[in-house]
Amino acid sequence: MGSEEADTVAQEIMAALDDLFRKERRARLQVSALEERQYALAATFRMVQDMEADSAIEEALAGYGFEYYTVDDDAELWISDEHGLMVFLSFTAPGGQYYNYRIVAFDIIGEEEEESG
């Protein structure tokens, strides 16, 4: 894959993630306002929003052929050999959902052959 095509995919991913994160921030503001009046409803709303955000991220990255790898409880790594891109997502708190992401381009320089036997 050429670098121009990888750049285009990276730009599309950044735009999609930025849009998702803006929606997440808006949802957190709505939850904060709702918590003052109806805590139980706010907790349910927060849970639904968290599930929607996770699903939207998975859909966006899987749609570009990225594969998911668990790094630890607060981080995810998505890799696309086809596009030569890695997307690292980190989360600071399950309830506060702050995302930080990095998109890194890479080249595959060789593949190890599996030993049989």
C-alpha atoms as a PDB file:
ATOM      1  CA  MET A   1       0.000   0.000   0.000  1.00  0.00           C
ATOM      2  CA  GLY A   2       1.299   3.436  -0.881  1.00  0.00           C
ATOM      3  CA  SER A   3       1.940   6.090   1.705  1.00  0.00           C
ATOM      4  CA  GLU A   4      -0.696   8.384   0.159  1.00  0.00           C
ATOM      5  CA  GLU A   5      -3.363   5.714   0.614  1.00  0.00           C
ATOM      6  CA  ALA A   6      -2.208   5.047   4.205  1.00  0.00           C
ATOM      7  CA  ASP A   7      -2.294   8.811   4.869  1.00  0.00           C
ATOM      8  CA  THR A   8      -5.858   8.976   3.544  1.00  0.00           C
ATOM      9  CA  VAL A   9      -6.955   6.070   5.761  1.00  0.00           C
ATOM     10  CA  ALA A  10      -5.202   7.644   8.776  1.00  0.00           C
ATOM     11  CA  GLN A  11      -6.981  10.971   8.132  1.00  0.00           C
ATOM     12  CA  GLU A  12     -10.355   9.206   7.864  1.00  0.00           C
ATOM     13  CA  ILE A  13      -9.701   7.305  11.102  1.00  0.00           C
ATOM     14  CA  MET A  14      -8.659  10.494  12.915  1.00  0.00           C
ATOM     15  CA  ALA A  15     -11.816  12.254  11.741  1.00  0.00           C
ATOM     16  CA  ALA A  16     -14.000   9.321  12.859  1.00  0.00           C
ATOM     17  CA  LEU A  17     -12.295   9.057  16.276  1.00  0.00           C
ATOM     18  CA  ASP A  18     -12.402  12.817  16.843  1.00  0.00           C
ATOM     19  CA  ASP A  19     -16.137  12.788  16.061  1.00  0.00           C
ATOM     20  CA  LEU A  20     -16.717   9.873  18.453  1.00  0.00           C
ATOM     21  CA  PHE A  21     -14.770  11.595  21.223  1.00  0.00           C
ATOM     22  CA  ARG A  22     -16.726  14.852  20.773  1.00  0.00           C
ATOM     23  CA  LYS A  23     -19.950  12.854  21.115  1.00  0.00           C
ATOM     24  CA  GLU A  24     -18.529  11.162  24.231  1.00  0.00           C
ATOM     25  CA  ARG A  25     -17.732  14.528  25.834  1.00  0.00           C
ATOM     26  CA  ARG A  26     -21.251  15.800  25.071  1.00  0.00           C
ATOM     27  CA  ALA A  27     -22.735  12.643  26.602  1.00  0.00           C
ATOM     28  CA  ARG A  28     -20.610  13.103  29.754  1.00  0.00           C
ATOM     29  CA  LEU A  29     -21.928  16.661  30.118  1.00  0.00           C
ATOM     30  CA  GLN A  30     -25.475  15.358  29.770  1.00  0.00           C
ATOM     31  CA  VAL A  31     -24.793  12.697  32.414  1.00  0.00           C
ATOM     32  CA  SER A  32     -23.376  15.305  34.794  1.00  0.00           C
ATOM     33  CA  ALA A  33     -26.483  17.463  34.436  1.00  0.00           C
ATOM     34  CA  LEU A  34     -28.756  14.445  34.844  1.00  0.00           C
ATOM     35  CA  GLU A  35     -26.929  13.114  37.926  1.00  0.00           C
ATOM     36  CA  GLU A  36     -28.020  16.111  39.967  1.00  0.00           C
ATOM     37  CA  ARG A  37     -31.683  15.316  39.341  1.00  0.00           C
ATOM     38  CA  GLN A  38     -31.943  11.573  38.682  1.00  0.00           C
ATOM     39  CA  TYR A  39     -28.876   9.547  39.623  1.00  0.00           C
ATOM     40  CA  ALA A  40     -30.283   6.130  38.639  1.00  0.00           C
ATOM     41  CA  LEU A  41     -31.283   7.360  35.183  1.00  0.00           C
ATOM     42  CA  ALA A  42     -27.875   9.025  34.773  1.00  0.00           C
ATOM     43  CA  ALA A  43     -26.078   5.750  35.593  1.00  0.00           C
ATOM     44  CA  THR A  44     -28.120   3.876  32.983  1.00  0.00           C
ATOM     45  CA  PHE A  45     -27.560   6.610  30.411  1.00  0.00           C
ATOM     46  CA  ARG A  46     -23.787   6.522  31.102  1.00  0.00           C
ATOM     47  CA  MET A  47     -23.685   2.736  30.670  1.00  0.00           C
ATOM     48  CA  VAL A  48     -25.531   2.915  27.333  1.00  0.00           C
ATOM     49  CA  GLN A  49     -23.263   5.717  26.115  1.00  0.00           C
ATOM     50  CA  ASP A  50     -20.138   3.733  27.058  1.00  0.00           C
ATOM     51  CA  MET A  51     -21.378   0.678  25.154  1.00  0.00           C
ATOM     52  CA  GLU A  52     -22.250   2.810  22.118  1.00  0.00           C
ATOM     53  CA  ALA A  53     -18.820   4.468  22.116  1.00  0.00           C
ATOM     54  CA  ASP A  54     -17.021   1.115  22.371  1.00  0.00           C
ATOM     55  CA  SER A  55     -19.158  -0.328  19.594  1.00  0.00           C
ATOM     56  CA  ALA A  56     -18.625   2.714  17.343  1.00  0.00           C
ATOM     57  CA  ILE A  57     -14.841   2.550  17.784  1.00  0.00           C
ATOM     58  CA  GLU A  58     -14.805  -1.170  17.015  1.00  0.00           C
ATOM     59  CA  GLU A  59     -17.020  -0.674  13.973  1.00  0.00           C
ATOM     60  CA  ALA A  60     -14.896   2.192  12.631  1.00  0.00           C
ATOM     61  CA  LEU A  61     -11.565   0.385  12.978  1.00  0.00           C
ATOM     62  CA  ALA A  62     -12.775  -3.087  11.991  1.00  0.00           C
ATOM     63  CA  GLY A  63     -14.344  -1.482   8.921  1.00  0.00           C
ATOM     64  CA  TYR A  64     -10.855  -0.542   7.752  1.00  0.00           C
ATOM     65  CA  GLY A  65      -9.579  -4.076   8.365  1.00  0.00           C
ATOM     66  CA  PHE A  66      -7.871  -3.423  11.694  1.00  0.00           C
ATOM     67  CA  GLU A  67      -7.431  -6.290  14.133  1.00  0.00           C
ATOM     68  CA  TYR A  68      -7.805  -5.795  17.886  1.00  0.00           C
ATOM     69  CA  TYR A  69      -5.089  -6.599  20.440  1.00  0.00           C
ATOM     70  CA  THR A  70      -5.426  -6.135  24.194  1.00  0.00           C
ATOM     71  CA  VAL A  71      -2.536  -4.203  25.736  1.00  0.00           C
ATOM     72  CA  ASP A  72      -3.865  -3.964  29.315  1.00  0.00           C
ATOM     73  CA  ASP A  73      -7.087  -3.022  31.103  1.00  0.00           C
ATOM     74  CA  ASP A  74      -6.832   0.615  30.050  1.00  0.00           C
ATOM     75  CA  ALA A  75      -5.438   0.366  26.526  1.00  0.00           C
ATOM     76  CA  GLU A  76      -6.152  -1.169  23.153  1.00  0.00           C
ATOM     77  CA  LEU A  77      -4.039  -1.672  20.071  1.00  0.00           C
ATOM     78  CA  TRP A  78      -5.538  -1.999  16.604  1.00  0.00           C
ATOM     79  CA  ILE A  79      -3.257  -3.100  13.742  1.00  0.00           C
ATOM     80  CA  SER A  80      -3.789  -3.196   9.993  1.00  0.00           C
ATOM     81  CA  ASP A  81      -1.044  -4.930   8.026  1.00  0.00           C
ATOM     82  CA  GLU A  82      -2.898  -3.999   4.833  1.00  0.00           C
ATOM     83  CA  HIS A  83      -2.697  -0.263   5.551  1.00  0.00           C
ATOM     84  CA  GLY A  84       0.551  -0.368   7.522  1.00  0.00           C
ATOM     85  CA  LEU A  85      -1.070   1.470  10.428  1.00  0.00           C
ATOM     86  CA  MET A  86      -1.409   0.931  14.172  1.00  0.00           C
ATOM     87  CA  VAL A  87      -3.970   2.767  16.321  1.00  0.00           C
ATOM     88  CA  PHE A  88      -3.236   2.869  20.042  1.00  0.00           C
ATOM     89  CA  LEU A  89      -6.186   3.846  22.249  1.00  0.00           C
ATOM     90  CA  SER A  90      -5.844   4.447  25.973  1.00  0.00           C
ATOM     91  CA  PHE A  91      -8.591   4.976  28.502  1.00  0.00           C
ATOM     92  CA  THR A  92      -8.092   6.725  31.834  1.00  0.00           C
ATOM     93  CA  ALA A  93     -11.218   5.633  33.705  1.00  0.00           C
ATOM     94  CA  PRO A  94     -14.225   3.446  32.969  1.00  0.00           C
ATOM     95  CA  GLY A  95     -16.669   6.077  34.248  1.00  0.00           C
ATOM     96  CA  GLY A  96     -14.821   9.155  32.974  1.00  0.00           C
ATOM     97  CA  GLN A  97     -13.940   7.821  29.530  1.00  0.00           C
ATOM     98  CA  TYR A  98     -11.023   9.970  28.459  1.00  0.00           C
ATOM     99  CA  TYR A  99      -9.507   8.600  25.285  1.00  0.00           C
ATOM    100  CA  ASN A 100      -6.079   9.284  23.947  1.00  0.00           C
ATOM    101  CA  TYR A 101      -5.044   7.860  20.632  1.00  0.00           C
ATOM    102  CA  ARG A 102      -1.997   7.642  18.439  1.00  0.00           C
ATOM    103  CA  ILE A 103      -1.856   6.491  14.839  1.00  0.00           C
ATOM    104  CA  VAL A 104       1.498   5.106  13.761  1.00  0.00           C
ATOM    105  CA  ALA A 105       2.577   4.042  10.283  1.00  0.00           C
ATOM    106  CA  PHE A 106       4.838   1.022   9.912  1.00  0.00           C
ATOM    107  CA  ASP A 107       6.425  -1.156   7.258  1.00  0.00           C
ATOM    108  CA  ILE A 108       6.496  -4.929   7.339  1.00  0.00           C
ATOM    109  CA  ILE A 109      10.111  -5.807   6.632  1.00  0.00           C
ATOM    110  CA  GLY A 110       9.821  -9.567   6.931  1.00  0.00           C
ATOM    111  CA  GLU A 111       7.822 -12.374   8.385  1.00  0.00           C
ATOM    112  CA  GLU A 112       9.117 -15.173  10.540  1.00  0.00           C
ATOM    113  CA  GLU A 113       8.223 -18.620   9.326  1.00  0.00           C
ATOM    114  CA  GLU A 114       6.566 -20.861  11.868  1.00  0.00           C
ATOM    115  CA  GLU A 115       8.593 -23.852  12.863  1.00  0.00           C
ATOM    116  CA  SER A 116       6.737 -27.096  12.442  1.00  0.00           C
ATOM    117  CA  GLY A 117       7.426 -30.125  14.519  1.00  0.00           C
END
